[in-house]
């Protein structure tokens, strides 16, 4: 059996523990050979009281020996206190040396960074904590955008449910795409979001505009991505000057009309890439990006990859 050790601590996030644990357990049930044995551990073997109030039984971290397949550090509101516990960091370093790979979920990256396990590596964490992680640990190359990253044998994931995506990717790495697909289907999960997919959709990055005029313009953009949507055209629809419309966008959405339109078009293209077999040229036209070259540039800016690579990553899931 592949031993998977999940490290918990007071006020860890329940989903940060449950997502990888259930993925590896499902992989075993669906035929992983060798299968996985998941263990939750904590300092002193104390029960892990999670942020939602549920308490989980745990084995003593101090008694865990190798060899191990994976060490996974959960995130949660208690991550900062855990990262300041010298005993925790000592045992984390010890287990990392005994394990084939090291994984963090969400703010679990803070513990990996505090233990020096992310020095010189690219890593991600929940977008809300990325700036703090980068400031506190300058030796870490923090990338706040992707759902998960891999640098050597160290894997980091973004917030909460992105642990599901990373765990599926690890199952695929170990046993191939067919088993990963079976596991994802059994969990009714997306098959599977590519690691370079942005954590935060432009639809979710900010609340709907308070201004009624701006809400109507945004609704028009979403419903008519292939139309002419430059600032002048949008201003005519809104009945205001382009300058005034730009001021509204910047004040309430923190971006310009052009950047907002480009982000929406790029996300729409990403959706078509992963859900249809349309050629790139057709996707570019249908989303208002015009040409495949414009589509490629938009993906380079938004996802740091090419449309073809993005599609291939999704299909591998």
C-alpha atoms as a PDB file:
ATOM      1  CA  UNK A   1       0.000   0.000   0.000  1.00  0.00           C
ATOM      2  CA  UNK A   2       1.090   3.581  -0.661  1.00  0.00           C
ATOM      3  CA  UNK A   3       1.067   5.360   2.707  1.00  0.00           C
ATOM      4  CA  UNK A   4      -0.463   8.837   2.506  1.00  0.00           C
ATOM      5  CA  UNK A   5      -0.022  10.894   5.671  1.00  0.00           C
ATOM      6  CA  UNK A   6      -2.226  13.965   6.105  1.00  0.00           C
ATOM      7  CA  UNK A   7      -0.974  16.429   8.727  1.00  0.00           C
ATOM      8  CA  UNK A   8      -3.667  18.248  10.690  1.00  0.00           C
ATOM      9  CA  UNK A   9      -3.596  20.790  13.497  1.00  0.00           C
ATOM     10  CA  UNK A  10      -6.107  22.878  15.480  1.00  0.00           C
ATOM     11  CA  UNK A  11      -8.455  24.794  13.164  1.00  0.00           C
ATOM     12  CA  UNK A  12      -7.486  22.937  10.003  1.00  0.00           C
ATOM     13  CA  UNK A  13     -10.035  23.053   7.176  1.00  0.00           C
ATOM     14  CA  UNK A  14     -12.162  19.901   7.014  1.00  0.00           C
ATOM     15  CA  UNK A  15     -12.299  19.896   3.208  1.00  0.00           C
ATOM     16  CA  UNK A  16      -8.512  20.259   3.013  1.00  0.00           C
ATOM     17  CA  UNK A  17      -8.304  16.909   4.777  1.00  0.00           C
ATOM     18  CA  UNK A  18     -11.334  15.231   3.224  1.00  0.00           C
ATOM     19  CA  UNK A  19     -10.688  16.042  -0.450  1.00  0.00           C
ATOM     20  CA  UNK A  20      -7.345  14.254  -0.812  1.00  0.00           C
ATOM     21  CA  UNK A  21      -8.347  11.508   1.635  1.00  0.00           C
ATOM     22  CA  UNK A  22     -11.492  10.634  -0.327  1.00  0.00           C
ATOM     23  CA  UNK A  23      -9.735  10.798  -3.710  1.00  0.00           C
ATOM     24  CA  UNK A  24      -7.024   8.355  -2.629  1.00  0.00           C
ATOM     25  CA  UNK A  25      -9.544   6.105  -0.885  1.00  0.00           C
ATOM     26  CA  UNK A  26     -11.738   6.058  -4.002  1.00  0.00           C
ATOM     27  CA  UNK A  27      -8.689   5.243  -6.133  1.00  0.00           C
ATOM     28  CA  UNK A  28      -8.039   2.187  -3.963  1.00  0.00           C
ATOM     29  CA  UNK A  29     -11.647   1.073  -4.251  1.00  0.00           C
ATOM     30  CA  UNK A  30     -11.560   1.502  -8.042  1.00  0.00           C
ATOM     31  CA  UNK A  31      -8.549  -0.693  -8.539  1.00  0.00           C
ATOM     32  CA  UNK A  32      -5.357   1.261  -7.800  1.00  0.00           C
ATOM     33  CA  UNK A  33      -2.530  -1.274  -7.578  1.00  0.00           C
ATOM     34  CA  UNK A  34      -0.870  -0.660  -5.247  1.00  0.00           C
ATOM     35  CA  UNK A  35      -3.641   1.095  -3.383  1.00  0.00           C
ATOM     36  CA  UNK A  36      -3.415   3.906  -0.849  1.00  0.00           C
ATOM     37  CA  UNK A  37      -3.670   3.911   2.933  1.00  0.00           C
ATOM     38  CA  UNK A  38      -4.544   7.342   4.304  1.00  0.00           C
ATOM     39  CA  UNK A  39      -3.602   8.344   7.858  1.00  0.00           C
ATOM     40  CA  UNK A  40      -4.434  11.587   9.643  1.00  0.00           C
ATOM     41  CA  UNK A  41      -1.727  12.644  12.095  1.00  0.00           C
ATOM     42  CA  UNK A  42      -1.264  15.506  14.551  1.00  0.00           C
ATOM     43  CA  UNK A  43       1.209  16.467  17.238  1.00  0.00           C
ATOM     44  CA  UNK A  44       0.765  14.175  20.220  1.00  0.00           C
ATOM     45  CA  UNK A  45      -2.010  12.334  18.422  1.00  0.00           C
ATOM     46  CA  UNK A  46      -4.422  14.961  19.672  1.00  0.00           C
ATOM     47  CA  UNK A  47      -7.848  15.102  17.966  1.00  0.00           C
ATOM     48  CA  UNK A  48      -7.996  17.672  15.172  1.00  0.00           C
ATOM     49  CA  UNK A  49     -10.805  20.159  15.760  1.00  0.00           C
ATOM     50  CA  UNK A  50     -11.536  21.628  12.341  1.00  0.00           C
ATOM     51  CA  UNK A  51     -12.711  25.137  11.548  1.00  0.00           C
ATOM     52  CA  UNK A  52     -16.302  23.963  11.085  1.00  0.00           C
ATOM     53  CA  UNK A  53     -16.352  22.454  14.574  1.00  0.00           C
ATOM     54  CA  UNK A  54     -16.078  18.765  13.679  1.00  0.00           C
ATOM     55  CA  UNK A  55     -13.316  16.857  15.470  1.00  0.00           C
ATOM     56  CA  UNK A  56     -11.286  14.105  13.798  1.00  0.00           C
ATOM     57  CA  UNK A  57      -9.245  11.364  15.466  1.00  0.00           C
ATOM     58  CA  UNK A  58      -5.538  11.447  14.627  1.00  0.00           C
ATOM     59  CA  UNK A  59      -2.428   9.351  15.126  1.00  0.00           C
ATOM     60  CA  UNK A  60       0.692  10.807  16.809  1.00  0.00           C
ATOM     61  CA  UNK A  61       2.815  12.660  14.259  1.00  0.00           C
ATOM     62  CA  UNK A  62       5.922  11.875  16.294  1.00  0.00           C
ATOM     63  CA  UNK A  63       5.531   8.113  15.817  1.00  0.00           C
ATOM     64  CA  UNK A  64       5.228   8.133  12.029  1.00  0.00           C
ATOM     65  CA  UNK A  65       8.162   6.579  10.191  1.00  0.00           C
ATOM     66  CA  UNK A  66       8.958   5.812   6.585  1.00  0.00           C
ATOM     67  CA  UNK A  67       8.902   4.937   3.883  1.00  0.00           C
ATOM     68  CA  UNK A  68       5.965   7.148   2.896  1.00  0.00           C
ATOM     69  CA  UNK A  69       4.363   7.798  -0.459  1.00  0.00           C
ATOM     70  CA  UNK A  70       2.910  11.256   0.190  1.00  0.00           C
ATOM     71  CA  UNK A  71       2.931  13.784   2.996  1.00  0.00           C
ATOM     72  CA  UNK A  72       0.013  16.212   2.713  1.00  0.00           C
ATOM     73  CA  UNK A  73      -0.259  19.344   4.856  1.00  0.00           C
ATOM     74  CA  UNK A  74      -3.801  20.655   5.247  1.00  0.00           C
ATOM     75  CA  UNK A  75      -4.626  24.334   5.287  1.00  0.00           C
ATOM     76  CA  UNK A  76      -6.983  26.184   7.573  1.00  0.00           C
ATOM     77  CA  UNK A  77      -7.327  29.163   9.872  1.00  0.00           C
ATOM     78  CA  UNK A  78      -4.767  27.637  12.228  1.00  0.00           C
ATOM     79  CA  UNK A  79      -1.995  27.547   9.619  1.00  0.00           C
ATOM     80  CA  UNK A  80      -0.026  30.492  11.025  1.00  0.00           C
ATOM     81  CA  UNK A  81       0.095  29.109  14.559  1.00  0.00           C
ATOM     82  CA  UNK A  82       1.058  25.685  13.226  1.00  0.00           C
ATOM     83  CA  UNK A  83       3.837  27.247  11.123  1.00  0.00           C
ATOM     84  CA  UNK A  84       5.284  28.830  14.278  1.00  0.00           C
ATOM     85  CA  UNK A  85       5.430  25.518  16.167  1.00  0.00           C
ATOM     86  CA  UNK A  86       9.040  24.298  16.111  1.00  0.00           C
ATOM     87  CA  UNK A  87       8.016  20.701  16.840  1.00  0.00           C
ATOM     88  CA  UNK A  88       5.615  20.704  13.906  1.00  0.00           C
ATOM     89  CA  UNK A  89       8.283  21.993  11.523  1.00  0.00           C
ATOM     90  CA  UNK A  90      10.883  19.524  12.776  1.00  0.00           C
ATOM     91  CA  UNK A  91       8.609  16.563  12.130  1.00  0.00           C
ATOM     92  CA  UNK A  92       7.405  17.996   8.821  1.00  0.00           C
ATOM     93  CA  UNK A  93      11.004  18.173   7.581  1.00  0.00           C
ATOM     94  CA  UNK A  94      11.630  14.646   8.866  1.00  0.00           C
ATOM     95  CA  UNK A  95       8.605  13.186   7.094  1.00  0.00           C
ATOM     96  CA  UNK A  96       9.374  15.103   3.901  1.00  0.00           C
ATOM     97  CA  UNK A  97      12.733  13.325   3.836  1.00  0.00           C
ATOM     98  CA  UNK A  98      11.000   9.964   4.157  1.00  0.00           C
ATOM     99  CA  UNK A  99       8.365  10.596   1.493  1.00  0.00           C
ATOM    100  CA  UNK A 100       8.252  10.268  -2.287  1.00  0.00           C
ATOM    101  CA  UNK A 101       6.381  13.550  -2.564  1.00  0.00           C
ATOM    102  CA  UNK A 102       5.241  16.470  -0.442  1.00  0.00           C
ATOM    103  CA  UNK A 103       1.891  18.184  -0.916  1.00  0.00           C
ATOM    104  CA  UNK A 104       0.145  21.206   0.570  1.00  0.00           C
ATOM    105  CA  UNK A 105      -3.493  22.179   0.368  1.00  0.00           C
ATOM    106  CA  UNK A 106      -4.458  25.844   0.479  1.00  0.00           C
ATOM    107  CA  UNK A 107      -2.656  27.627   3.339  1.00  0.00           C
ATOM    108  CA  UNK A 108      -0.791  24.436   4.175  1.00  0.00           C
ATOM    109  CA  UNK A 109       1.831  26.022   1.914  1.00  0.00           C
ATOM    110  CA  UNK A 110       2.670  28.302   4.853  1.00  0.00           C
ATOM    111  CA  UNK A 111       3.940  25.296   6.831  1.00  0.00           C
ATOM    112  CA  UNK A 112       5.982  24.034   3.880  1.00  0.00           C
ATOM    113  CA  UNK A 113       7.502  27.490   3.466  1.00  0.00           C
ATOM    114  CA  UNK A 114       8.259  27.825   7.176  1.00  0.00           C
ATOM    115  CA  UNK A 115      10.011  24.442   7.061  1.00  0.00           C
ATOM    116  CA  UNK A 116      12.149  25.598   4.131  1.00  0.00           C
ATOM    117  CA  UNK A 117      10.617  23.014   1.806  1.00  0.00           C
ATOM    118  CA  UNK A 118       9.525  25.630  -0.752  1.00  0.00           C
ATOM    119  CA  UNK A 119      12.777  27.590  -0.954  1.00  0.00           C
ATOM    120  CA  UNK A 120      13.604  28.249  -4.606  1.00  0.00           C
ATOM    121  CA  UNK A 121      10.421  26.539  -5.758  1.00  0.00           C
ATOM    122  CA  UNK A 122       7.304  27.749  -7.543  1.00  0.00           C
ATOM    123  CA  UNK A 123       4.251  27.324  -5.333  1.00  0.00           C
ATOM    124  CA  UNK A 124       0.685  28.466  -4.975  1.00  0.00           C
ATOM    125  CA  UNK A 125      -1.796  28.912  -2.161  1.00  0.00           C
ATOM    126  CA  UNK A 126      -5.258  30.373  -1.688  1.00  0.00           C
ATOM    127  CA  UNK A 127      -5.359  33.663  -3.593  1.00  0.00           C
ATOM    128  CA  UNK A 128      -6.363  35.560  -0.445  1.00  0.00           C
ATOM    129  CA  UNK A 129      -3.115  34.515   1.292  1.00  0.00           C
ATOM    130  CA  UNK A 130      -0.694  34.588  -1.645  1.00  0.00           C
ATOM    131  CA  UNK A 131       0.633  38.107  -1.056  1.00  0.00           C
ATOM    132  CA  UNK A 132       1.316  37.380   2.610  1.00  0.00           C
ATOM    133  CA  UNK A 133       3.099  34.123   1.771  1.00  0.00           C
ATOM    134  CA  UNK A 134       5.290  35.912  -0.787  1.00  0.00           C
ATOM    135  CA  UNK A 135       6.121  38.726   1.629  1.00  0.00           C
ATOM    136  CA  UNK A 136       6.926  36.458   4.567  1.00  0.00           C
ATOM    137  CA  UNK A 137       8.942  33.900   2.583  1.00  0.00           C
ATOM    138  CA  UNK A 138      10.791  35.717  -0.230  1.00  0.00           C
ATOM    139  CA  UNK A 139      12.730  32.556  -1.160  1.00  0.00           C
ATOM    140  CA  UNK A 140       9.458  31.053  -2.457  1.00  0.00           C
ATOM    141  CA  UNK A 141       8.303  31.880  -6.003  1.00  0.00           C
ATOM    142  CA  UNK A 142       4.633  32.380  -5.184  1.00  0.00           C
ATOM    143  CA  UNK A 143       2.206  32.201  -8.101  1.00  0.00           C
ATOM    144  CA  UNK A 144      -1.302  33.178  -6.948  1.00  0.00           C
ATOM    145  CA  UNK A 145      -3.071  32.264 -10.184  1.00  0.00           C
ATOM    146  CA  UNK A 146      -3.142  28.476 -10.784  1.00  0.00           C
ATOM    147  CA  UNK A 147      -5.235  25.818  -9.104  1.00  0.00           C
ATOM    148  CA  UNK A 148      -2.124  23.792  -8.345  1.00  0.00           C
ATOM    149  CA  UNK A 149       1.589  23.689  -9.112  1.00  0.00           C
ATOM    150  CA  UNK A 150       4.257  21.012  -9.340  1.00  0.00           C
ATOM    151  CA  UNK A 151       7.944  21.722  -8.801  1.00  0.00           C
ATOM    152  CA  UNK A 152       9.981  18.544  -8.573  1.00  0.00           C
ATOM    153  CA  UNK A 153       8.381  16.301  -5.970  1.00  0.00           C
ATOM    154  CA  UNK A 154       6.631  19.201  -4.216  1.00  0.00           C
ATOM    155  CA  UNK A 155       3.019  19.936  -5.124  1.00  0.00           C
ATOM    156  CA  UNK A 156       0.960  22.871  -3.854  1.00  0.00           C
ATOM    157  CA  UNK A 157      -2.717  23.605  -4.412  1.00  0.00           C
ATOM    158  CA  UNK A 158      -4.907  26.656  -4.081  1.00  0.00           C
ATOM    159  CA  UNK A 159      -7.976  27.030  -1.928  1.00  0.00           C
ATOM    160  CA  UNK A 160      -9.940  24.120  -0.490  1.00  0.00           C
ATOM    161  CA  UNK A 161     -11.586  22.164  -3.358  1.00  0.00           C
ATOM    162  CA  UNK A 162      -8.580  22.605  -5.656  1.00  0.00           C
ATOM    163  CA  UNK A 163      -7.155  19.781  -3.509  1.00  0.00           C
ATOM    164  CA  UNK A 164      -9.583  17.564  -5.414  1.00  0.00           C
ATOM    165  CA  UNK A 165      -8.015  18.604  -8.727  1.00  0.00           C
ATOM    166  CA  UNK A 166      -4.469  18.094  -7.485  1.00  0.00           C
ATOM    167  CA  UNK A 167      -5.278  14.728  -5.898  1.00  0.00           C
ATOM    168  CA  UNK A 168      -6.831  13.505  -9.160  1.00  0.00           C
ATOM    169  CA  UNK A 169      -3.716  14.654 -10.995  1.00  0.00           C
ATOM    170  CA  UNK A 170      -1.547  12.679  -8.562  1.00  0.00           C
ATOM    171  CA  UNK A 171      -3.675   9.553  -9.043  1.00  0.00           C
ATOM    172  CA  UNK A 172      -3.267  10.003 -12.794  1.00  0.00           C
ATOM    173  CA  UNK A 173       0.480  10.375 -12.324  1.00  0.00           C
ATOM    174  CA  UNK A 174       0.575   7.118 -10.335  1.00  0.00           C
ATOM    175  CA  UNK A 175      -1.940   4.968 -12.222  1.00  0.00           C
ATOM    176  CA  UNK A 176      -2.862   6.672 -15.503  1.00  0.00           C
ATOM    177  CA  UNK A 177      -5.792   8.737 -16.789  1.00  0.00           C
ATOM    178  CA  UNK A 178      -8.388   5.952 -16.916  1.00  0.00           C
ATOM    179  CA  UNK A 179      -8.318   5.347 -13.160  1.00  0.00           C
ATOM    180  CA  UNK A 180      -8.328   9.089 -12.498  1.00  0.00           C
ATOM    181  CA  UNK A 181     -11.435   9.381 -14.687  1.00  0.00           C
ATOM    182  CA  UNK A 182     -13.150   6.566 -12.778  1.00  0.00           C
ATOM    183  CA  UNK A 183     -12.378   8.235  -9.469  1.00  0.00           C
ATOM    184  CA  UNK A 184     -13.620  11.614 -10.698  1.00  0.00           C
ATOM    185  CA  UNK A 185     -16.848  10.094 -11.992  1.00  0.00           C
ATOM    186  CA  UNK A 186     -17.428   8.287  -8.693  1.00  0.00           C
ATOM    187  CA  UNK A 187     -17.013  11.595  -6.852  1.00  0.00           C
ATOM    188  CA  UNK A 188     -19.139  13.459  -9.432  1.00  0.00           C
ATOM    189  CA  UNK A 189     -16.173  15.741  -9.973  1.00  0.00           C
ATOM    190  CA  UNK A 190     -15.023  17.727 -12.978  1.00  0.00           C
ATOM    191  CA  UNK A 191     -12.747  15.653 -15.218  1.00  0.00           C
ATOM    192  CA  UNK A 192     -10.463  17.441 -14.217  1.00  0.00           C
ATOM    193  CA  UNK A 193      -9.669  21.145 -14.039  1.00  0.00           C
ATOM    194  CA  UNK A 194      -6.192  21.824 -15.415  1.00  0.00           C
ATOM    195  CA  UNK A 195      -3.682  23.032 -12.862  1.00  0.00           C
ATOM    196  CA  UNK A 196      -3.072  26.234 -14.798  1.00  0.00           C
ATOM    197  CA  UNK A 197      -6.742  27.212 -14.690  1.00  0.00           C
ATOM    198  CA  UNK A 198      -7.160  30.508 -12.849  1.00  0.00           C
ATOM    199  CA  UNK A 199      -8.318  30.266  -9.227  1.00  0.00           C
ATOM    200  CA  UNK A 200     -10.750  33.141  -9.531  1.00  0.00           C
ATOM    201  CA  UNK A 201     -13.096  33.645 -12.446  1.00  0.00           C
ATOM    202  CA  UNK A 202     -13.700  37.196 -13.569  1.00  0.00           C
ATOM    203  CA  UNK A 203     -17.367  36.465 -12.826  1.00  0.00           C
ATOM    204  CA  UNK A 204     -16.487  35.850  -9.159  1.00  0.00           C
ATOM    205  CA  UNK A 205     -13.618  38.269  -8.616  1.00  0.00           C
ATOM    206  CA  UNK A 206     -15.858  41.172  -7.643  1.00  0.00           C
ATOM    207  CA  UNK A 207     -19.486  41.657  -6.594  1.00  0.00           C
ATOM    208  CA  UNK A 208     -21.974  42.818  -9.238  1.00  0.00           C
ATOM    209  CA  UNK A 209     -21.673  46.542  -9.906  1.00  0.00           C
ATOM    210  CA  UNK A 210     -23.891  48.712  -7.746  1.00  0.00           C
ATOM    211  CA  UNK A 211     -24.504  51.064 -10.646  1.00  0.00           C
ATOM    212  CA  UNK A 212     -27.540  49.935 -12.662  1.00  0.00           C
ATOM    213  CA  UNK A 213     -26.133  51.297 -15.900  1.00  0.00           C
ATOM    214  CA  UNK A 214     -22.905  49.363 -15.421  1.00  0.00           C
ATOM    215  CA  UNK A 215     -24.795  46.169 -14.534  1.00  0.00           C
ATOM    216  CA  UNK A 216     -26.718  46.452 -17.801  1.00  0.00           C
ATOM    217  CA  UNK A 217     -23.523  47.003 -19.785  1.00  0.00           C
ATOM    218  CA  UNK A 218     -21.875  43.977 -18.165  1.00  0.00           C
ATOM    219  CA  UNK A 219     -24.927  41.842 -18.914  1.00  0.00           C
ATOM    220  CA  UNK A 220     -24.786  42.979 -22.540  1.00  0.00           C
ATOM    221  CA  UNK A 221     -21.106  42.039 -22.758  1.00  0.00           C
ATOM    222  CA  UNK A 222     -21.677  38.554 -21.350  1.00  0.00           C
ATOM    223  CA  UNK A 223     -24.561  37.891 -23.740  1.00  0.00           C
ATOM    224  CA  UNK A 224     -22.816  39.279 -26.840  1.00  0.00           C
ATOM    225  CA  UNK A 225     -19.142  38.320 -26.659  1.00  0.00           C
ATOM    226  CA  UNK A 226     -18.796  38.084 -30.435  1.00  0.00           C
ATOM    227  CA  UNK A 227     -20.163  41.591 -30.979  1.00  0.00           C
ATOM    228  CA  UNK A 228     -18.235  44.855 -31.257  1.00  0.00           C
ATOM    229  CA  UNK A 229     -17.455  45.664 -27.628  1.00  0.00           C
ATOM    230  CA  UNK A 230     -14.916  48.464 -27.660  1.00  0.00           C
ATOM    231  CA  UNK A 231     -15.342  51.383 -25.273  1.00  0.00           C
ATOM    232  CA  UNK A 232     -17.075  53.552 -27.859  1.00  0.00           C
ATOM    233  CA  UNK A 233     -19.616  50.854 -28.727  1.00  0.00           C
ATOM    234  CA  UNK A 234     -20.351  50.124 -25.082  1.00  0.00           C
ATOM    235  CA  UNK A 235     -20.669  53.828 -24.320  1.00  0.00           C
ATOM    236  CA  UNK A 236     -23.268  54.192 -27.087  1.00  0.00           C
ATOM    237  CA  UNK A 237     -25.268  51.326 -25.588  1.00  0.00           C
ATOM    238  CA  UNK A 238     -25.047  52.921 -22.142  1.00  0.00           C
ATOM    239  CA  UNK A 239     -25.815  56.430 -23.412  1.00  0.00           C
ATOM    240  CA  UNK A 240     -22.727  57.963 -21.791  1.00  0.00           C
ATOM    241  CA  UNK A 241     -19.307  59.068 -22.987  1.00  0.00           C
ATOM    242  CA  UNK A 242     -16.478  56.491 -23.261  1.00  0.00           C
ATOM    243  CA  UNK A 243     -14.546  58.432 -20.617  1.00  0.00           C
ATOM    244  CA  UNK A 244     -17.443  58.290 -18.145  1.00  0.00           C
ATOM    245  CA  UNK A 245     -17.977  54.572 -18.789  1.00  0.00           C
ATOM    246  CA  UNK A 246     -14.294  53.874 -18.204  1.00  0.00           C
ATOM    247  CA  UNK A 247     -14.443  55.777 -14.919  1.00  0.00           C
ATOM    248  CA  UNK A 248     -17.391  53.603 -13.819  1.00  0.00           C
ATOM    249  CA  UNK A 249     -15.538  50.379 -14.715  1.00  0.00           C
ATOM    250  CA  UNK A 250     -12.399  51.406 -12.860  1.00  0.00           C
ATOM    251  CA  UNK A 251     -14.281  52.629  -9.811  1.00  0.00           C
ATOM    252  CA  UNK A 252     -16.572  49.618  -9.419  1.00  0.00           C
ATOM    253  CA  UNK A 253     -14.759  46.723 -11.119  1.00  0.00           C
ATOM    254  CA  UNK A 254     -11.153  47.824 -10.791  1.00  0.00           C
ATOM    255  CA  UNK A 255     -10.466  47.420 -14.508  1.00  0.00           C
ATOM    256  CA  UNK A 256     -11.126  49.025 -17.865  1.00  0.00           C
ATOM    257  CA  UNK A 257     -13.886  48.011 -20.276  1.00  0.00           C
ATOM    258  CA  UNK A 258     -11.325  46.549 -22.696  1.00  0.00           C
ATOM    259  CA  UNK A 259      -9.642  44.379 -20.059  1.00  0.00           C
ATOM    260  CA  UNK A 260     -12.996  43.213 -18.693  1.00  0.00           C
ATOM    261  CA  UNK A 261     -14.170  42.197 -22.167  1.00  0.00           C
ATOM    262  CA  UNK A 262     -10.895  40.408 -22.919  1.00  0.00           C
ATOM    263  CA  UNK A 263     -11.041  38.442 -19.656  1.00  0.00           C
ATOM    264  CA  UNK A 264     -14.628  37.334 -20.301  1.00  0.00           C
ATOM    265  CA  UNK A 265     -13.811  36.314 -23.864  1.00  0.00           C
ATOM    266  CA  UNK A 266     -10.785  34.337 -22.716  1.00  0.00           C
ATOM    267  CA  UNK A 267     -12.777  32.488 -20.048  1.00  0.00           C
ATOM    268  CA  UNK A 268     -15.498  31.706 -22.585  1.00  0.00           C
ATOM    269  CA  UNK A 269     -12.840  30.337 -24.934  1.00  0.00           C
ATOM    270  CA  UNK A 270     -11.416  28.208 -22.120  1.00  0.00           C
ATOM    271  CA  UNK A 271     -14.863  26.739 -21.509  1.00  0.00           C
ATOM    272  CA  UNK A 272     -15.284  25.870 -25.197  1.00  0.00           C
ATOM    273  CA  UNK A 273     -11.822  24.342 -25.343  1.00  0.00           C
ATOM    274  CA  UNK A 274     -12.650  21.915 -22.534  1.00  0.00           C
ATOM    275  CA  UNK A 275     -16.246  21.101 -23.487  1.00  0.00           C
ATOM    276  CA  UNK A 276     -16.221  21.009 -27.307  1.00  0.00           C
ATOM    277  CA  UNK A 277     -14.067  19.818 -30.183  1.00  0.00           C
ATOM    278  CA  UNK A 278     -14.323  23.101 -32.076  1.00  0.00           C
ATOM    279  CA  UNK A 279     -11.136  24.184 -33.849  1.00  0.00           C
ATOM    280  CA  UNK A 280      -9.246  27.135 -32.425  1.00  0.00           C
ATOM    281  CA  UNK A 281     -10.295  29.405 -35.284  1.00  0.00           C
ATOM    282  CA  UNK A 282     -13.993  28.766 -34.618  1.00  0.00           C
ATOM    283  CA  UNK A 283     -13.566  29.307 -30.882  1.00  0.00           C
ATOM    284  CA  UNK A 284     -11.707  32.572 -31.478  1.00  0.00           C
ATOM    285  CA  UNK A 285     -14.505  33.858 -33.709  1.00  0.00           C
ATOM    286  CA  UNK A 286     -17.375  32.739 -31.476  1.00  0.00           C
ATOM    287  CA  UNK A 287     -15.853  34.405 -28.408  1.00  0.00           C
ATOM    288  CA  UNK A 288     -15.059  37.667 -30.155  1.00  0.00           C
ATOM    289  CA  UNK A 289     -11.292  37.193 -30.156  1.00  0.00           C
ATOM    290  CA  UNK A 290     -11.241  37.123 -33.941  1.00  0.00           C
ATOM    291  CA  UNK A 291      -8.133  35.169 -34.850  1.00  0.00           C
ATOM    292  CA  UNK A 292      -6.210  32.210 -33.455  1.00  0.00           C
ATOM    293  CA  UNK A 293      -3.225  34.486 -32.885  1.00  0.00           C
ATOM    294  CA  UNK A 294      -5.319  36.794 -30.690  1.00  0.00           C
ATOM    295  CA  UNK A 295      -6.639  33.714 -28.883  1.00  0.00           C
ATOM    296  CA  UNK A 296      -3.091  32.479 -28.246  1.00  0.00           C
ATOM    297  CA  UNK A 297      -2.003  35.848 -26.918  1.00  0.00           C
ATOM    298  CA  UNK A 298      -5.019  36.063 -24.623  1.00  0.00           C
ATOM    299  CA  UNK A 299      -4.225  32.615 -23.185  1.00  0.00           C
ATOM    300  CA  UNK A 300      -0.577  33.515 -22.734  1.00  0.00           C
ATOM    301  CA  UNK A 301      -1.602  36.587 -20.739  1.00  0.00           C
ATOM    302  CA  UNK A 302      -4.456  35.013 -18.766  1.00  0.00           C
ATOM    303  CA  UNK A 303      -3.354  31.391 -18.210  1.00  0.00           C
ATOM    304  CA  UNK A 304       0.375  31.438 -19.064  1.00  0.00           C
ATOM    305  CA  UNK A 305      -0.115  28.615 -21.580  1.00  0.00           C
ATOM    306  CA  UNK A 306      -1.363  28.011 -25.108  1.00  0.00           C
ATOM    307  CA  UNK A 307      -4.959  27.106 -26.039  1.00  0.00           C
ATOM    308  CA  UNK A 308      -3.816  23.707 -27.347  1.00  0.00           C
ATOM    309  CA  UNK A 309      -1.902  22.897 -24.159  1.00  0.00           C
ATOM    310  CA  UNK A 310      -4.887  24.007 -22.060  1.00  0.00           C
ATOM    311  CA  UNK A 311      -7.183  21.676 -24.004  1.00  0.00           C
ATOM    312  CA  UNK A 312      -4.736  18.769 -23.777  1.00  0.00           C
ATOM    313  CA  UNK A 313      -4.390  19.195 -20.019  1.00  0.00           C
ATOM    314  CA  UNK A 314      -8.170  19.042 -19.618  1.00  0.00           C
ATOM    315  CA  UNK A 315      -8.442  15.966 -21.836  1.00  0.00           C
ATOM    316  CA  UNK A 316      -5.768  14.136 -19.873  1.00  0.00           C
ATOM    317  CA  UNK A 317      -8.133  14.431 -16.905  1.00  0.00           C
END
